[in-house]
Protein backbone atom coordinates (compact mmCIF):
# COMPACT_ATOMS: atom_id res chain seq x y z
CA MET A 1 11.33 36.29 53.06
CA LEU A 2 13.21 33.34 53.32
CA ALA A 3 15.27 33.99 50.50
CA ARG A 4 15.97 37.48 51.76
CA ARG A 5 16.48 36.10 55.47
CA SER A 6 14.00 38.74 56.45
CA GLY A 7 10.35 39.55 57.18
CA CYS A 8 7.52 39.58 59.66
CA ILE A 9 4.39 37.89 59.64
CA VAL A 10 1.58 39.17 61.79
CA ASN A 11 -1.73 36.81 61.93
CA ILE A 12 -4.79 37.78 63.41
CA SER A 13 -6.50 35.59 66.06
CA SER A 14 -9.00 36.41 69.06
CA LEU A 15 -9.19 37.07 72.48
CA ALA A 16 -11.80 33.99 71.89
CA GLY A 17 -8.71 31.78 70.71
CA THR A 18 -7.29 32.18 74.39
CA THR A 19 -10.34 32.18 76.26
CA GLY A 20 -12.97 30.01 74.54
CA THR A 21 -16.64 31.68 73.73
CA PRO A 22 -19.75 30.16 74.25
CA PHE A 23 -22.03 30.07 71.45
CA HIS A 24 -18.90 30.53 68.99
CA VAL A 25 -17.30 27.05 69.54
CA HIS A 26 -16.07 27.12 65.94
CA TYR A 27 -14.99 30.47 66.25
CA SER A 28 -12.77 30.09 69.26
CA ALA A 29 -11.17 26.44 67.42
CA ALA A 30 -10.20 28.37 64.36
CA LYS A 31 -8.85 31.29 66.42
CA ALA A 32 -7.00 29.02 68.56
CA GLY A 33 -5.25 27.27 65.51
CA ILE A 34 -4.21 30.45 64.50
CA ILE A 35 -2.40 30.87 67.86
CA GLY A 36 -0.80 27.63 67.47
CA LEU A 37 0.12 28.10 63.60
CA THR A 38 1.90 31.21 64.82
CA LYS A 39 3.70 29.78 67.93
CA SER A 40 5.03 26.79 66.12
CA LEU A 41 5.66 28.56 62.61
CA ALA A 42 7.77 30.92 64.65
CA LYS A 43 10.38 28.71 65.89
CA GLU A 44 10.60 26.86 62.64
CA ILE A 45 11.36 30.02 60.81
CA ALA A 46 13.02 32.36 63.25
CA ARG A 47 16.15 30.50 61.83
CA HIS A 48 15.67 32.27 58.82
CA GLY A 49 15.72 35.83 59.97
CA VAL A 50 11.71 35.84 59.70
CA ARG A 51 9.55 36.73 62.85
CA ILE A 52 5.55 35.67 63.19
CA ASN A 53 3.47 36.84 65.66
CA ALA A 54 -0.27 37.35 66.37
CA VAL A 55 -2.60 40.07 67.17
CA ALA A 56 -5.56 38.51 69.45
CA PRO A 57 -7.99 41.43 70.00
CA GLY A 58 -10.62 41.61 72.65
CA TRP A 59 -13.93 43.27 71.81
CA ILE A 60 -13.94 45.93 68.93
CA ASP A 61 -16.48 48.33 68.03
CA THR A 62 -17.04 47.89 64.57
CA PRO A 63 -20.70 47.08 62.40
CA LEU A 64 -19.73 43.52 62.50
CA GLY A 65 -19.24 43.79 66.30
CA ARG A 66 -22.26 45.35 66.76
CA GLN A 67 -23.97 42.50 64.99
CA ALA A 68 -22.40 39.97 66.96
CA GLU A 69 -23.10 41.57 70.68
CA GLU A 70 -26.78 41.72 69.57
CA TYR A 71 -26.74 37.94 68.65
CA PHE A 72 -24.83 37.11 71.90
CA ALA A 73 -27.53 39.44 74.15
CA ARG A 74 -30.21 37.15 72.41
CA LEU A 75 -28.96 33.86 73.44
CA THR A 76 -27.39 34.74 76.87
CA SER A 77 -30.40 37.36 78.00
CA ARG A 78 -27.83 39.89 78.14
CA ASN A 79 -28.60 43.50 77.40
CA ARG A 80 -24.79 43.86 76.24
CA ILE A 81 -21.20 42.19 76.32
CA VAL A 82 -19.47 43.18 79.64
CA ARG A 83 -16.93 46.07 78.94
CA PRO A 84 -13.52 45.05 79.96
CA PRO A 85 -11.76 46.71 83.05
CA LEU A 86 -11.05 50.02 80.91
CA GLY A 87 -14.89 50.38 80.65
CA VAL A 88 -14.56 50.89 76.43
CA SER A 89 -14.69 48.72 73.71
CA GLY A 90 -11.31 48.82 71.06
CA THR A 91 -11.42 50.73 68.05
CA PRO A 92 -9.96 49.36 64.63
CA GLU A 93 -7.14 51.85 65.20
CA ASP A 94 -6.05 50.03 68.41
CA ILE A 95 -5.31 46.81 66.53
CA ALA A 96 -3.77 48.60 63.59
CA ALA A 97 -1.33 50.19 66.07
CA ALA A 98 -0.61 46.61 67.95
CA CYS A 99 0.17 45.32 64.12
CA THR A 100 2.13 48.29 63.30
CA TYR A 101 4.23 47.59 66.07
CA LEU A 102 4.93 44.12 65.88
CA ALA A 103 5.68 44.75 62.38
CA SER A 104 8.06 47.29 63.09
CA ASP A 105 12.12 47.47 63.75
CA GLU A 106 11.08 48.26 67.21
CA ALA A 107 9.64 44.53 68.09
CA GLY A 108 13.03 43.26 66.32
CA PHE A 109 13.52 40.55 69.25
CA VAL A 110 9.72 39.77 69.34
CA THR A 111 8.67 36.41 67.66
CA GLY A 112 6.14 33.59 68.68
CA GLN A 113 3.97 36.24 70.50
CA VAL A 114 0.27 36.74 70.88
CA LEU A 115 -0.20 40.63 71.71
CA SER A 116 -4.12 40.78 72.76
CA PRO A 117 -5.20 44.48 73.10
CA ASN A 118 -8.35 43.74 74.85
CA GLY A 119 -8.85 46.87 77.53
CA GLY A 120 -8.14 44.25 80.26
CA ALA A 121 -10.90 41.76 79.60
CA TRP A 122 -10.58 38.06 80.10
CA ILE A 123 -13.66 36.97 78.69
């Protein structure tokens, strides 16, 4: 990418990296690190024509996500994770669409940003 003076990197973080999450301190810290890496590296490599952004999804309905939901419910005595204001869980396709946008020419002026498809959640 540097030699071609063109390219795009899309990192995957999590809403937990921006808000923190109880009982998953290590996960939140790792995802926050990805956000810091994204923002810092974007400033470093922009002069080479390479863009770097991150996607930080909120709750996404996947088998692993449902396992995490059950685990969280046991720890907090909640029946389910509180749904975001849109009232639905995100899908893998929602995240793919965000990544596709950031990798596209339409996002040619976007670098060092975190896009968080999360249904309006703030956790």
